[in-house]
């Protein structure tokens, strides 16, 4: 498991990969896909 001090660098790496894929920070969500689908279906 990574140390807490490694988290900022790991997040920077993820942000760089997302940027390369054309995904910006506003595209990220905190809720799960399953929860979003259930909400849309009114479940």
PDB file of N, CA and C in Angstrom:
ATOM      1  N   UNK A   1       0.846  -1.167   0.000  1.00  0.00           N
ATOM      2  CA  UNK A   1       0.000   0.000   0.000  1.00  0.00           C
ATOM      3  C   UNK A   1       0.895   1.235   0.000  1.00  0.00           C
ATOM      4  N   UNK A   2       0.457   2.237  -0.707  1.00  0.00           N
ATOM      5  CA  UNK A   2       1.221   3.481  -0.796  1.00  0.00           C
ATOM      6  C   UNK A   2       1.141   4.254   0.515  1.00  0.00           C
ATOM      7  N   UNK A   3       2.142   5.035   0.741  1.00  0.00           N
ATOM      8  CA  UNK A   3       2.164   5.912   1.911  1.00  0.00           C
ATOM      9  C   UNK A   3       1.322   7.155   1.622  1.00  0.00           C
ATOM     10  N   UNK A   4       0.816   7.781   2.662  1.00  0.00           N
ATOM     11  CA  UNK A   4      -0.004   8.985   2.505  1.00  0.00           C
ATOM     12  C   UNK A   4       0.749  10.086   1.768  1.00  0.00           C
ATOM     13  N   UNK A   5       2.055  10.140   1.951  1.00  0.00           N
ATOM     14  CA  UNK A   5       2.854  11.162   1.272  1.00  0.00           C
ATOM     15  C   UNK A   5       2.896  10.954  -0.241  1.00  0.00           C
ATOM     16  N   UNK A   6       2.581   9.741  -0.700  1.00  0.00           N
ATOM     17  CA  UNK A   6       2.606   9.428  -2.128  1.00  0.00           C
ATOM     18  C   UNK A   6       1.324   9.835  -2.853  1.00  0.00           C
ATOM     19  N   UNK A   7       0.271  10.128  -2.115  1.00  0.00           N
ATOM     20  CA  UNK A   7      -1.033  10.401  -2.711  1.00  0.00           C
ATOM     21  C   UNK A   7      -1.013  11.611  -3.645  1.00  0.00           C
ATOM     22  N   UNK A   8      -0.458  12.762  -3.256  1.00  0.00           N
ATOM     23  CA  UNK A   8      -0.472  13.903  -4.176  1.00  0.00           C
ATOM     24  C   UNK A   8       0.198  13.603  -5.520  1.00  0.00           C
ATOM     25  N   UNK A   9       1.321  12.914  -5.508  1.00  0.00           N
ATOM     26  CA  UNK A   9       2.005  12.575  -6.759  1.00  0.00           C
ATOM     27  C   UNK A   9       1.162  11.603  -7.588  1.00  0.00           C
ATOM     28  N   UNK A  10       0.512  10.665  -6.915  1.00  0.00           N
ATOM     29  CA  UNK A  10      -0.346   9.713  -7.626  1.00  0.00           C
ATOM     30  C   UNK A  10      -1.530  10.425  -8.263  1.00  0.00           C
ATOM     31  N   UNK A  11      -2.125  11.362  -7.543  1.00  0.00           N
ATOM     32  CA  UNK A  11      -3.239  12.125  -8.101  1.00  0.00           C
ATOM     33  C   UNK A  11      -2.794  12.964  -9.287  1.00  0.00           C
ATOM     34  N   UNK A  12      -1.613  13.546  -9.207  1.00  0.00           N
ATOM     35  CA  UNK A  12      -1.071  14.306 -10.339  1.00  0.00           C
ATOM     36  C   UNK A  12      -0.904  13.406 -11.557  1.00  0.00           C
ATOM     37  N   UNK A  13      -0.444  12.185 -11.333  1.00  0.00           N
ATOM     38  CA  UNK A  13      -0.283  11.227 -12.433  1.00  0.00           C
ATOM     39  C   UNK A  13      -1.629  10.885 -13.059  1.00  0.00           C
ATOM     40  N   UNK A  14      -2.629  10.655 -12.219  1.00  0.00           N
ATOM     41  CA  UNK A  14      -3.966  10.359 -12.735  1.00  0.00           C
ATOM     42  C   UNK A  14      -4.534  11.530 -13.518  1.00  0.00           C
ATOM     43  N   UNK A  15      -4.347  12.728 -12.996  1.00  0.00           N
ATOM     44  CA  UNK A  15      -4.835  13.915 -13.706  1.00  0.00           C
ATOM     45  C   UNK A  15      -4.162  14.048 -15.069  1.00  0.00           C
ATOM     46  N   UNK A  16      -2.882  13.732 -15.147  1.00  0.00           N
ATOM     47  CA  UNK A  16      -2.158  13.805 -16.420  1.00  0.00           C
ATOM     48  C   UNK A  16      -2.707  12.785 -17.416  1.00  0.00           C
ATOM     49  N   UNK A  17      -2.982  11.571 -16.945  1.00  0.00           N
ATOM     50  CA  UNK A  17      -3.555  10.549 -17.827  1.00  0.00           C
ATOM     51  C   UNK A  17      -4.936  10.979 -18.290  1.00  0.00           C
ATOM     52  N   UNK A  18      -5.761  11.462 -17.366  1.00  0.00           N
ATOM     53  CA  UNK A  18      -7.095  11.933 -17.739  1.00  0.00           C
ATOM     54  C   UNK A  18      -7.004  13.054 -18.765  1.00  0.00           C
ATOM     55  N   UNK A  19      -6.086  13.983 -18.572  1.00  0.00           N
ATOM     56  CA  UNK A  19      -5.914  15.093 -19.510  1.00  0.00           C
ATOM     57  C   UNK A  19      -5.529  14.561 -20.890  1.00  0.00           C
ATOM     58  N   UNK A  20      -4.658  13.570 -20.936  1.00  0.00           N
ATOM     59  CA  UNK A  20      -4.268  12.962 -22.212  1.00  0.00           C
ATOM     60  C   UNK A  20      -5.462  12.317 -22.911  1.00  0.00           C
ATOM     61  N   UNK A  21      -6.415  11.842 -22.132  1.00  0.00           N
ATOM     62  CA  UNK A  21      -7.616  11.213 -22.680  1.00  0.00           C
ATOM     63  C   UNK A  21      -8.722  12.223 -22.974  1.00  0.00           C
ATOM     64  N   UNK A  22      -8.470  13.499 -22.676  1.00  0.00           N
ATOM     65  CA  UNK A  22      -9.465  14.536 -22.923  1.00  0.00           C
ATOM     66  C   UNK A  22     -10.514  14.639 -21.838  1.00  0.00           C
ATOM     67  N   UNK A  23     -10.208  14.114 -20.664  1.00  0.00           N
ATOM     68  CA  UNK A  23     -11.138  14.151 -19.532  1.00  0.00           C
ATOM     69  C   UNK A  23     -10.648  15.218 -18.567  1.00  0.00           C
ATOM     70  N   UNK A  24     -11.486  16.238 -18.312  1.00  0.00           N
ATOM     71  CA  UNK A  24     -11.044  17.251 -17.353  1.00  0.00           C
ATOM     72  C   UNK A  24     -11.687  17.016 -15.993  1.00  0.00           C
ATOM     73  N   UNK A  25     -11.268  17.790 -15.016  1.00  0.00           N
ATOM     74  CA  UNK A  25     -11.725  17.576 -13.636  1.00  0.00           C
ATOM     75  C   UNK A  25     -13.231  17.707 -13.485  1.00  0.00           C
ATOM     76  N   UNK A  26     -13.872  18.484 -14.356  1.00  0.00           N
ATOM     77  CA  UNK A  26     -15.313  18.673 -14.248  1.00  0.00           C
ATOM     78  C   UNK A  26     -16.097  17.452 -14.727  1.00  0.00           C
ATOM     79  N   UNK A  27     -15.419  16.539 -15.433  1.00  0.00           N
ATOM     80  CA  UNK A  27     -16.070  15.314 -15.884  1.00  0.00           C
ATOM     81  C   UNK A  27     -16.115  14.256 -14.787  1.00  0.00           C
ATOM     82  N   UNK A  28     -15.282  14.395 -13.794  1.00  0.00           N
ATOM     83  CA  UNK A  28     -15.220  13.417 -12.707  1.00  0.00           C
ATOM     84  C   UNK A  28     -16.383  13.635 -11.742  1.00  0.00           C
ATOM     85  N   UNK A  29     -16.902  12.548 -11.219  1.00  0.00           N
ATOM     86  CA  UNK A  29     -17.988  12.619 -10.246  1.00  0.00           C
ATOM     87  C   UNK A  29     -17.625  11.785  -9.030  1.00  0.00           C
ATOM     88  N   UNK A  30     -18.256  12.091  -7.929  1.00  0.00           N
ATOM     89  CA  UNK A  30     -17.988  11.363  -6.692  1.00  0.00           C
ATOM     90  C   UNK A  30     -18.963  10.218  -6.455  1.00  0.00           C
ATOM     91  N   UNK A  31     -20.105  10.222  -7.156  1.00  0.00           N
ATOM     92  CA  UNK A  31     -21.050   9.139  -6.949  1.00  0.00           C
ATOM     93  C   UNK A  31     -20.804   8.034  -7.975  1.00  0.00           C
ATOM     94  N   UNK A  32     -21.262   6.846  -7.661  1.00  0.00           N
ATOM     95  CA  UNK A  32     -21.008   5.710  -8.542  1.00  0.00           C
ATOM     96  C   UNK A  32     -21.953   5.727  -9.741  1.00  0.00           C
ATOM     97  N   UNK A  33     -21.511   5.072 -10.800  1.00  0.00           N
ATOM     98  CA  UNK A  33     -22.337   4.941 -11.998  1.00  0.00           C
ATOM     99  C   UNK A  33     -23.661   4.269 -11.654  1.00  0.00           C
ATOM    100  N   UNK A  34     -23.609   3.234 -10.830  1.00  0.00           N
ATOM    101  CA  UNK A  34     -24.815   2.507 -10.439  1.00  0.00           C
ATOM    102  C   UNK A  34     -25.800   3.428  -9.739  1.00  0.00           C
ATOM    103  N   UNK A  35     -25.312   4.279  -8.842  1.00  0.00           N
ATOM    104  CA  UNK A  35     -26.184   5.223  -8.142  1.00  0.00           C
ATOM    105  C   UNK A  35     -26.808   6.218  -9.111  1.00  0.00           C
ATOM    106  N   UNK A  36     -26.036   6.684 -10.085  1.00  0.00           N
ATOM    107  CA  UNK A  36     -26.566   7.644 -11.059  1.00  0.00           C
ATOM    108  C   UNK A  36     -27.655   7.007 -11.919  1.00  0.00           C
ATOM    109  N   UNK A  37     -27.455   5.752 -12.336  1.00  0.00           N
ATOM    110  CA  UNK A  37     -28.463   5.053 -13.134  1.00  0.00           C
ATOM    111  C   UNK A  37     -29.724   4.842 -12.306  1.00  0.00           C
ATOM    112  N   UNK A  38     -29.576   4.416 -11.070  1.00  0.00           N
ATOM    113  CA  UNK A  38     -30.732   4.207 -10.198  1.00  0.00           C
ATOM    114  C   UNK A  38     -31.504   5.507 -10.007  1.00  0.00           C
ATOM    115  N   UNK A  39     -30.798   6.607  -9.843  1.00  0.00           N
ATOM    116  CA  UNK A  39     -31.455   7.910  -9.678  1.00  0.00           C
ATOM    117  C   UNK A  39     -32.262   8.259 -10.927  1.00  0.00           C
ATOM    118  N   UNK A  40     -31.651   8.063 -12.098  1.00  0.00           N
ATOM    119  CA  UNK A  40     -32.342   8.376 -13.356  1.00  0.00           C
ATOM    120  C   UNK A  40     -33.575   7.503 -13.543  1.00  0.00           C
ATOM    121  N   UNK A  41     -33.512   6.267 -13.068  1.00  0.00           N
ATOM    122  CA  UNK A  41     -34.639   5.344 -13.202  1.00  0.00           C
ATOM    123  C   UNK A  41     -35.684   5.554 -12.121  1.00  0.00           C
ATOM    124  N   UNK A  42     -35.374   6.390 -11.144  1.00  0.00           N
ATOM    125  CA  UNK A  42     -36.313   6.651 -10.069  1.00  0.00           C
ATOM    126  C   UNK A  42     -36.370   5.553  -9.026  1.00  0.00           C
ATOM    127  N   UNK A  43     -35.303   4.779  -8.944  1.00  0.00           N
ATOM    128  CA  UNK A  43     -35.257   3.664  -7.984  1.00  0.00           C
ATOM    129  C   UNK A  43     -34.833   4.175  -6.637  1.00  0.00           C
TER     130      UNK A  43
END
